[in-house]
């Protein structure tokens, strides 16, 4: 029964990794990377007036906290 020749596996795997790295680099060189939050634009929250913001609402204590009197 013949045995599996594994002497070339290291060379094959290392060349495959290097070629995948070169392909990845060649594809990424054409991409323009932008940051998530550009420094020149400032993020501001839009101010909207909701109906319940102008009204007073009662805030209840949680069940676990004792009543203060």
N, C-alpha and C. Protein backbone atom coordinates (compact mmCIF):
# COMPACT_ATOMS: atom_id res chain seq x y z
N UNK A 1 0.84 -1.17 0.00
CA UNK A 1 0.00 0.00 0.00
C UNK A 1 0.90 1.25 0.00
N UNK A 2 0.71 2.15 -0.99
CA UNK A 2 1.58 3.32 -1.08
C UNK A 2 1.25 4.36 0.00
N UNK A 3 2.25 5.06 0.40
CA UNK A 3 2.08 6.08 1.41
C UNK A 3 1.92 7.44 0.74
N UNK A 4 1.23 8.34 1.45
CA UNK A 4 0.99 9.67 0.92
C UNK A 4 2.25 10.50 1.08
N UNK A 5 2.68 11.09 -0.03
CA UNK A 5 3.90 11.91 -0.01
C UNK A 5 3.53 13.33 0.44
N UNK A 6 3.99 13.70 1.62
CA UNK A 6 3.67 15.02 2.17
C UNK A 6 4.85 15.97 2.11
N UNK A 7 5.87 15.65 1.35
CA UNK A 7 7.06 16.49 1.34
C UNK A 7 6.81 17.83 0.66
N UNK A 8 5.86 17.93 -0.24
CA UNK A 8 5.62 19.19 -0.95
C UNK A 8 4.49 20.00 -0.32
N UNK A 9 3.90 19.52 0.74
CA UNK A 9 2.76 20.23 1.33
C UNK A 9 3.17 21.59 1.88
N UNK A 10 4.30 21.65 2.53
CA UNK A 10 4.73 22.92 3.10
C UNK A 10 4.92 23.97 2.01
N UNK A 11 5.55 23.59 0.94
CA UNK A 11 5.76 24.52 -0.18
C UNK A 11 4.43 24.93 -0.80
N UNK A 12 3.52 24.01 -0.98
CA UNK A 12 2.23 24.31 -1.58
C UNK A 12 1.41 25.25 -0.70
N UNK A 13 1.37 24.98 0.58
CA UNK A 13 0.58 25.80 1.49
C UNK A 13 1.20 27.20 1.63
N UNK A 14 2.50 27.28 1.74
CA UNK A 14 3.13 28.59 1.87
C UNK A 14 2.97 29.42 0.61
N UNK A 15 3.07 28.82 -0.57
CA UNK A 15 2.84 29.56 -1.81
C UNK A 15 1.38 29.98 -1.95
N UNK A 16 0.48 29.15 -1.49
CA UNK A 16 -0.94 29.52 -1.54
C UNK A 16 -1.20 30.73 -0.64
N UNK A 17 -0.64 30.74 0.55
CA UNK A 17 -0.84 31.86 1.47
C UNK A 17 -0.22 33.14 0.90
N UNK A 18 0.95 33.04 0.33
CA UNK A 18 1.57 34.23 -0.27
C UNK A 18 0.78 34.74 -1.46
N UNK A 19 0.27 33.86 -2.28
CA UNK A 19 -0.51 34.30 -3.44
C UNK A 19 -1.83 34.93 -3.00
N UNK A 20 -2.48 34.37 -1.98
CA UNK A 20 -3.70 34.98 -1.47
C UNK A 20 -3.43 36.35 -0.87
N UNK A 21 -2.31 36.51 -0.21
CA UNK A 21 -1.94 37.79 0.33
C UNK A 21 -1.71 38.81 -0.78
N UNK A 22 -1.05 38.40 -1.86
CA UNK A 22 -0.80 39.31 -2.99
C UNK A 22 -2.10 39.69 -3.68
N UNK A 23 -2.99 38.75 -3.84
CA UNK A 23 -4.29 39.05 -4.45
C UNK A 23 -5.07 40.01 -3.58
N UNK A 24 -5.07 39.78 -2.29
CA UNK A 24 -5.78 40.66 -1.36
C UNK A 24 -5.20 42.08 -1.41
N UNK A 25 -3.88 42.19 -1.41
CA UNK A 25 -3.25 43.50 -1.45
C UNK A 25 -3.53 44.22 -2.77
N UNK A 26 -3.54 43.50 -3.87
CA UNK A 26 -3.81 44.14 -5.16
C UNK A 26 -5.25 44.61 -5.25
N UNK A 27 -6.16 43.91 -4.60
CA UNK A 27 -7.55 44.37 -4.60
C UNK A 27 -7.76 45.54 -3.65
N UNK A 28 -7.05 45.55 -2.53
CA UNK A 28 -7.24 46.60 -1.54
C UNK A 28 -6.54 47.90 -1.91
N UNK A 29 -5.59 47.85 -2.81
CA UNK A 29 -4.86 49.06 -3.17
C UNK A 29 -5.75 50.04 -3.93
N UNK A 30 -6.79 49.56 -4.56
CA UNK A 30 -7.69 50.42 -5.32
C UNK A 30 -8.84 50.96 -4.49
N UNK A 31 -8.98 50.48 -3.27
CA UNK A 31 -10.09 50.91 -2.42
C UNK A 31 -9.71 52.21 -1.71
N UNK A 32 -10.69 53.08 -1.56
CA UNK A 32 -10.47 54.28 -0.77
C UNK A 32 -11.05 54.05 0.61
N UNK A 33 -10.21 54.17 1.60
CA UNK A 33 -10.63 53.93 2.97
C UNK A 33 -11.02 55.26 3.59
N UNK A 34 -12.25 55.32 4.06
CA UNK A 34 -12.71 56.52 4.74
C UNK A 34 -13.00 56.17 6.19
N UNK A 35 -12.81 57.13 7.04
CA UNK A 35 -13.08 56.88 8.44
C UNK A 35 -14.58 56.90 8.68
N UNK A 36 -14.98 56.33 9.79
CA UNK A 36 -16.40 56.24 10.10
C UNK A 36 -16.97 57.62 10.37
N UNK A 37 -16.27 58.39 11.19
CA UNK A 37 -16.69 59.76 11.49
C UNK A 37 -15.62 60.72 10.97
N UNK A 38 -15.85 61.34 9.84
CA UNK A 38 -14.85 62.28 9.34
C UNK A 38 -14.67 63.45 10.30
N UNK A 39 -13.47 63.97 10.35
CA UNK A 39 -13.15 65.03 11.31
C UNK A 39 -13.77 66.37 10.92
N UNK A 40 -14.00 66.59 9.64
CA UNK A 40 -14.51 67.89 9.22
C UNK A 40 -16.02 68.02 9.41
N UNK A 41 -16.73 66.92 9.54
CA UNK A 41 -18.17 66.97 9.75
C UNK A 41 -18.48 66.66 11.21
N UNK A 42 -19.31 67.48 11.80
CA UNK A 42 -19.69 67.25 13.19
C UNK A 42 -21.09 66.65 13.23
N UNK A 43 -21.23 65.65 14.04
CA UNK A 43 -22.53 65.00 14.19
C UNK A 43 -23.32 65.75 15.26
N UNK A 44 -24.49 66.16 14.90
CA UNK A 44 -25.37 66.82 15.86
C UNK A 44 -26.69 66.09 15.90
N UNK A 45 -27.25 66.02 17.07
CA UNK A 45 -28.54 65.38 17.23
C UNK A 45 -29.63 66.33 16.74
N UNK A 46 -30.53 65.83 15.92
CA UNK A 46 -31.63 66.72 15.52
C UNK A 46 -32.54 66.99 16.70
N UNK A 47 -32.91 68.23 16.85
CA UNK A 47 -33.79 68.59 17.96
C UNK A 47 -35.23 68.58 17.48
N UNK A 48 -35.96 67.63 17.94
CA UNK A 48 -37.38 67.54 17.61
C UNK A 48 -38.18 67.64 18.90
N UNK A 49 -39.25 68.34 18.83
CA UNK A 49 -40.09 68.51 20.00
C UNK A 49 -41.20 67.46 19.96
N UNK A 50 -41.13 66.52 20.85
CA UNK A 50 -42.13 65.46 20.92
C UNK A 50 -43.23 65.88 21.89
N UNK A 51 -44.45 65.40 21.69
CA UNK A 51 -45.55 65.84 22.55
C UNK A 51 -45.34 65.53 24.03
N UNK A 52 -44.72 64.41 24.34
CA UNK A 52 -44.58 64.06 25.75
C UNK A 52 -43.40 64.78 26.42
N UNK A 53 -42.57 65.46 25.66
CA UNK A 53 -41.47 66.19 26.26
C UNK A 53 -41.95 67.46 26.96
N UNK A 54 -43.04 68.01 26.50
CA UNK A 54 -43.55 69.24 27.12
C UNK A 54 -44.45 68.97 28.30
N UNK A 55 -44.92 67.75 28.45
CA UNK A 55 -45.83 67.41 29.54
C UNK A 55 -45.07 66.80 30.71
N UNK A 56 -45.58 67.03 31.91
CA UNK A 56 -44.98 66.42 33.08
C UNK A 56 -45.53 65.01 33.23
N UNK A 57 -44.65 64.06 33.45
CA UNK A 57 -45.08 62.68 33.66
C UNK A 57 -44.62 62.24 35.04
N UNK A 58 -45.43 61.44 35.67
CA UNK A 58 -45.11 60.95 37.01
C UNK A 58 -44.10 59.82 36.90
N UNK A 59 -43.08 59.87 37.74
CA UNK A 59 -42.05 58.84 37.75
C UNK A 59 -42.27 57.99 38.99
N UNK A 60 -42.45 56.71 38.81
CA UNK A 60 -42.69 55.78 39.91
C UNK A 60 -41.38 55.15 40.35
N UNK A 61 -41.31 54.84 41.63
CA UNK A 61 -40.16 54.14 42.16
C UNK A 61 -40.23 52.67 41.77
N UNK A 62 -39.08 52.03 41.63
CA UNK A 62 -39.11 50.59 41.36
C UNK A 62 -39.68 49.84 42.56
N UNK A 63 -40.14 48.65 42.36
CA UNK A 63 -40.77 47.85 43.41
C UNK A 63 -39.82 47.53 44.55
N UNK A 64 -38.53 47.43 44.25
CA UNK A 64 -37.59 47.01 45.27
C UNK A 64 -37.14 48.14 46.18
N UNK A 65 -37.35 49.39 45.80
CA UNK A 65 -36.88 50.48 46.66
C UNK A 65 -37.97 50.88 47.64
N UNK A 66 -37.58 51.20 48.87
CA UNK A 66 -38.59 51.58 49.89
C UNK A 66 -39.08 53.01 49.67
N UNK A 67 -40.27 53.26 50.13
CA UNK A 67 -40.84 54.60 50.02
C UNK A 67 -40.20 55.50 51.07
N UNK A 68 -39.84 56.70 50.66
CA UNK A 68 -39.27 57.65 51.60
C UNK A 68 -40.36 58.63 52.00
N UNK A 69 -40.58 58.82 53.31
CA UNK A 69 -41.60 59.77 53.74
C UNK A 69 -41.08 60.74 54.75
